[in-house]
Amino acid sequence: MSQFLSVLLLLTTVFLTVCFGVAAWRISDEGGVEITGQIPRQSYGSRPTGH
């Protein structure tokens, strides 16, 4: 029984890894989608903004 649960857990892990990998690959392949976003210059940086 323990071996069955170990195999089931391993298969579930592989399945979820493949699903998330395919989803990330499809998102990155679209090109127009920004995952990380951009940090606005006003809130970070060493140069004054001129206000």
PDB file of N, CA and C in Angstrom:
ATOM      1  N   MET A   1       0.823  -1.202   0.000  1.00  0.00           N
ATOM      2  CA  MET A   1       0.000   0.000   0.000  1.00  0.00           C
ATOM      3  C   MET A   1       0.859   1.255   0.000  1.00  0.00           C
ATOM      4  N   SER A   2       1.951   1.249   0.739  1.00  0.00           N
ATOM      5  CA  SER A   2       2.823   2.409   0.816  1.00  0.00           C
ATOM      6  C   SER A   2       3.487   2.687  -0.539  1.00  0.00           C
ATOM      7  N   GLN A   3       3.836   1.598  -1.239  1.00  0.00           N
ATOM      8  CA  GLN A   3       4.455   1.776  -2.560  1.00  0.00           C
ATOM      9  C   GLN A   3       3.442   2.368  -3.546  1.00  0.00           C
ATOM     10  N   PHE A   4       2.201   1.940  -3.445  1.00  0.00           N
ATOM     11  CA  PHE A   4       1.156   2.495  -4.313  1.00  0.00           C
ATOM     12  C   PHE A   4       0.985   4.000  -4.084  1.00  0.00           C
ATOM     13  N   LEU A   5       0.975   4.417  -2.815  1.00  0.00           N
ATOM     14  CA  LEU A   5       0.833   5.838  -2.515  1.00  0.00           C
ATOM     15  C   LEU A   5       2.044   6.627  -2.996  1.00  0.00           C
ATOM     16  N   SER A   6       3.224   6.050  -2.892  1.00  0.00           N
ATOM     17  CA  SER A   6       4.428   6.733  -3.371  1.00  0.00           C
ATOM     18  C   SER A   6       4.387   6.922  -4.881  1.00  0.00           C
ATOM     19  N   VAL A   7       3.957   5.905  -5.606  1.00  0.00           N
ATOM     20  CA  VAL A   7       3.852   6.008  -7.057  1.00  0.00           C
ATOM     21  C   VAL A   7       2.771   7.012  -7.431  1.00  0.00           C
ATOM     22  N   LEU A   8       1.658   7.004  -6.717  1.00  0.00           N
ATOM     23  CA  LEU A   8       0.579   7.942  -6.985  1.00  0.00           C
ATOM     24  C   LEU A   8       1.037   9.384  -6.741  1.00  0.00           C
ATOM     25  N   LEU A   9       1.769   9.605  -5.666  1.00  0.00           N
ATOM     26  CA  LEU A   9       2.290  10.935  -5.378  1.00  0.00           C
ATOM     27  C   LEU A   9       3.293  11.377  -6.435  1.00  0.00           C
ATOM     28  N   LEU A  10       4.140  10.473  -6.871  1.00  0.00           N
ATOM     29  CA  LEU A  10       5.121  10.787  -7.905  1.00  0.00           C
ATOM     30  C   LEU A  10       4.422  11.138  -9.219  1.00  0.00           C
ATOM     31  N   LEU A  11       3.433  10.371  -9.611  1.00  0.00           N
ATOM     32  CA  LEU A  11       2.713  10.650 -10.849  1.00  0.00           C
ATOM     33  C   LEU A  11       1.956  11.982 -10.770  1.00  0.00           C
ATOM     34  N   THR A  12       1.370  12.267  -9.623  1.00  0.00           N
ATOM     35  CA  THR A  12       0.672  13.539  -9.447  1.00  0.00           C
ATOM     36  C   THR A  12       1.646  14.707  -9.551  1.00  0.00           C
ATOM     37  N   THR A  13       2.825  14.561  -8.952  1.00  0.00           N
ATOM     38  CA  THR A  13       3.838  15.616  -9.009  1.00  0.00           C
ATOM     39  C   THR A  13       4.303  15.852 -10.439  1.00  0.00           C
ATOM     40  N   VAL A  14       4.558  14.786 -11.173  1.00  0.00           N
ATOM     41  CA  VAL A  14       4.994  14.922 -12.566  1.00  0.00           C
ATOM     42  C   VAL A  14       3.892  15.565 -13.402  1.00  0.00           C
ATOM     43  N   PHE A  15       2.665  15.151 -13.193  1.00  0.00           N
ATOM     44  CA  PHE A  15       1.542  15.702 -13.947  1.00  0.00           C
ATOM     45  C   PHE A  15       1.385  17.202 -13.702  1.00  0.00           C
ATOM     46  N   LEU A  16       1.438  17.613 -12.437  1.00  0.00           N
ATOM     47  CA  LEU A  16       1.297  19.031 -12.120  1.00  0.00           C
ATOM     48  C   LEU A  16       2.474  19.852 -12.654  1.00  0.00           C
ATOM     49  N   THR A  17       3.666  19.283 -12.601  1.00  0.00           N
ATOM     50  CA  THR A  17       4.838  19.977 -13.139  1.00  0.00           C
ATOM     51  C   THR A  17       4.696  20.201 -14.632  1.00  0.00           C
ATOM     52  N   VAL A  18       4.234  19.189 -15.345  1.00  0.00           N
ATOM     53  CA  VAL A  18       4.035  19.325 -16.790  1.00  0.00           C
ATOM     54  C   VAL A  18       2.947  20.354 -17.079  1.00  0.00           C
ATOM     55  N   CYS A  19       1.854  20.327 -16.323  1.00  0.00           N
ATOM     56  CA  CYS A  19       0.765  21.286 -16.554  1.00  0.00           C
ATOM     57  C   CYS A  19       1.228  22.717 -16.337  1.00  0.00           C
ATOM     58  N   PHE A  20       1.930  22.972 -15.232  1.00  0.00           N
ATOM     59  CA  PHE A  20       2.406  24.323 -14.967  1.00  0.00           C
ATOM     60  C   PHE A  20       3.480  24.738 -15.964  1.00  0.00           C
ATOM     61  N   GLY A  21       4.304  23.804 -16.390  1.00  0.00           N
ATOM     62  CA  GLY A  21       5.319  24.121 -17.388  1.00  0.00           C
ATOM     63  C   GLY A  21       4.707  24.505 -18.723  1.00  0.00           C
ATOM     64  N   VAL A  22       3.701  23.769 -19.149  1.00  0.00           N
ATOM     65  CA  VAL A  22       3.029  24.091 -20.413  1.00  0.00           C
ATOM     66  C   VAL A  22       2.315  25.435 -20.308  1.00  0.00           C
ATOM     67  N   ALA A  23       1.679  25.692 -19.171  1.00  0.00           N
ATOM     68  CA  ALA A  23       0.990  26.971 -18.986  1.00  0.00           C
ATOM     69  C   ALA A  23       1.975  28.137 -19.023  1.00  0.00           C
ATOM     70  N   ALA A  24       3.115  28.004 -18.355  1.00  0.00           N
ATOM     71  CA  ALA A  24       4.123  29.070 -18.367  1.00  0.00           C
ATOM     72  C   ALA A  24       4.700  29.256 -19.756  1.00  0.00           C
ATOM     73  N   TRP A  25       4.890  28.162 -20.486  1.00  0.00           N
ATOM     74  CA  TRP A  25       5.432  28.241 -21.846  1.00  0.00           C
ATOM     75  C   TRP A  25       4.451  28.960 -22.768  1.00  0.00           C
ATOM     76  N   ARG A  26       3.152  28.668 -22.610  1.00  0.00           N
ATOM     77  CA  ARG A  26       2.149  29.328 -23.453  1.00  0.00           C
ATOM     78  C   ARG A  26       2.042  30.808 -23.126  1.00  0.00           C
ATOM     79  N   ILE A  27       2.125  31.164 -21.853  1.00  0.00           N
ATOM     80  CA  ILE A  27       2.055  32.575 -21.470  1.00  0.00           C
ATOM     81  C   ILE A  27       3.264  33.324 -22.017  1.00  0.00           C
ATOM     82  N   SER A  28       4.449  32.742 -21.900  1.00  0.00           N
ATOM     83  CA  SER A  28       5.649  33.427 -22.368  1.00  0.00           C
ATOM     84  C   SER A  28       5.700  33.480 -23.888  1.00  0.00           C
ATOM     85  N   ASP A  29       5.000  32.579 -24.559  1.00  0.00           N
ATOM     86  CA  ASP A  29       5.007  32.544 -26.022  1.00  0.00           C
ATOM     87  C   ASP A  29       4.100  33.614 -26.617  1.00  0.00           C
ATOM     88  N   GLU A  30       3.139  34.142 -25.843  1.00  0.00           N
ATOM     89  CA  GLU A  30       2.221  35.143 -26.366  1.00  0.00           C
ATOM     90  C   GLU A  30       2.920  36.458 -26.649  1.00  0.00           C
ATOM     91  N   GLY A  31       3.950  36.781 -25.884  1.00  0.00           N
ATOM     92  CA  GLY A  31       4.751  37.968 -26.154  1.00  0.00           C
ATOM     93  C   GLY A  31       4.182  39.248 -25.605  1.00  0.00           C
ATOM     94  N   GLY A  32       2.890  39.438 -25.613  1.00  0.00           N
ATOM     95  CA  GLY A  32       2.310  40.679 -25.142  1.00  0.00           C
ATOM     96  C   GLY A  32       2.061  40.711 -23.648  1.00  0.00           C
ATOM     97  N   VAL A  33       2.222  39.596 -22.984  1.00  0.00           N
ATOM     98  CA  VAL A  33       1.903  39.525 -21.569  1.00  0.00           C
ATOM     99  C   VAL A  33       3.157  39.808 -20.757  1.00  0.00           C
ATOM    100  N   GLU A  34       3.063  40.758 -19.817  1.00  0.00           N
ATOM    101  CA  GLU A  34       4.171  41.077 -18.915  1.00  0.00           C
ATOM    102  C   GLU A  34       3.926  40.344 -17.602  1.00  0.00           C
ATOM    103  N   ILE A  35       4.832  39.460 -17.238  1.00  0.00           N
ATOM    104  CA  ILE A  35       4.673  38.722 -15.991  1.00  0.00           C
ATOM    105  C   ILE A  35       5.273  39.515 -14.828  1.00  0.00           C
ATOM    106  N   THR A  36       6.447  40.106 -15.048  1.00  0.00           N
ATOM    107  CA  THR A  36       7.152  40.758 -13.951  1.00  0.00           C
ATOM    108  C   THR A  36       6.666  42.165 -13.702  1.00  0.00           C
ATOM    109  N   GLY A  37       6.197  42.863 -14.719  1.00  0.00           N
ATOM    110  CA  GLY A  37       5.774  44.239 -14.549  1.00  0.00           C
ATOM    111  C   GLY A  37       6.966  45.182 -14.514  1.00  0.00           C
ATOM    112  N   GLN A  38       6.694  46.453 -14.302  1.00  0.00           N
ATOM    113  CA  GLN A  38       7.756  47.454 -14.279  1.00  0.00           C
ATOM    114  C   GLN A  38       7.637  48.271 -13.016  1.00  0.00           C
ATOM    115  N   ILE A  39       8.789  48.676 -12.490  1.00  0.00           N
ATOM    116  CA  ILE A  39       8.828  49.516 -11.304  1.00  0.00           C
ATOM    117  C   ILE A  39       8.800  50.973 -11.761  1.00  0.00           C
ATOM    118  N   PRO A  40       7.876  51.778 -11.264  1.00  0.00           N
ATOM    119  CA  PRO A  40       7.848  53.181 -11.679  1.00  0.00           C
ATOM    120  C   PRO A  40       9.085  53.933 -11.212  1.00  0.00           C
ATOM    121  N   ARG A  41       9.564  54.861 -12.026  1.00  0.00           N
ATOM    122  CA  ARG A  41      10.787  55.589 -11.705  1.00  0.00           C
ATOM    123  C   ARG A  41      10.605  56.546 -10.539  1.00  0.00           C
ATOM    124  N   GLN A  42       9.384  57.002 -10.310  1.00  0.00           N
ATOM    125  CA  GLN A  42       9.158  57.983  -9.258  1.00  0.00           C
ATOM    126  C   GLN A  42       9.415  57.402  -7.863  1.00  0.00           C
ATOM    127  N   SER A  43       9.131  56.125  -7.688  1.00  0.00           N
ATOM    128  CA  SER A  43       9.237  55.563  -6.346  1.00  0.00           C
ATOM    129  C   SER A  43      10.622  54.985  -6.060  1.00  0.00           C
ATOM    130  N   TYR A  44      11.409  54.633  -7.068  1.00  0.00           N
ATOM    131  CA  TYR A  44      12.719  54.053  -6.853  1.00  0.00           C
ATOM    132  C   TYR A  44      13.734  54.733  -7.767  1.00  0.00           C
ATOM    133  N   GLY A  45      14.972  54.774  -7.319  1.00  0.00           N
ATOM    134  CA  GLY A  45      16.031  55.343  -8.138  1.00  0.00           C
ATOM    135  C   GLY A  45      16.819  56.381  -7.364  1.00  0.00           C
ATOM    136  N   SER A  46      17.993  56.720  -7.885  1.00  0.00           N
ATOM    137  CA  SER A  46      18.863  57.642  -7.174  1.00  0.00           C
ATOM    138  C   SER A  46      18.764  59.057  -7.700  1.00  0.00           C
ATOM    139  N   ARG A  47      18.179  59.262  -8.882  1.00  0.00           N
ATOM    140  CA  ARG A  47      18.082  60.603  -9.453  1.00  0.00           C
ATOM    141  C   ARG A  47      16.833  61.329  -8.954  1.00  0.00           C
ATOM    142  N   PRO A  48      16.946  62.600  -8.684  1.00  0.00           N
ATOM    143  CA  PRO A  48      15.740  63.353  -8.300  1.00  0.00           C
ATOM    144  C   PRO A  48      14.794  63.498  -9.477  1.00  0.00           C
ATOM    145  N   THR A  49      13.509  63.579  -9.191  1.00  0.00           N
ATOM    146  CA  THR A  49      12.507  63.644 -10.263  1.00  0.00           C
ATOM    147  C   THR A  49      12.259  65.066 -10.727  1.00  0.00           C
ATOM    148  N   GLY A  50      12.764  66.099 -10.021  1.00  0.00           N
ATOM    149  CA  GLY A  50      12.611  67.473 -10.460  1.00  0.00           C
ATOM    150  C   GLY A  50      11.393  68.169  -9.905  1.00  0.00           C
ATOM    151  N   HIS A  51      10.812  67.647  -8.827  1.00  0.00           N
ATOM    152  CA  HIS A  51       9.627  68.288  -8.216  1.00  0.00           C
ATOM    153  C   HIS A  51      10.033  69.416  -7.320  1.00  0.00           C
TER     154      HIS A  51
END
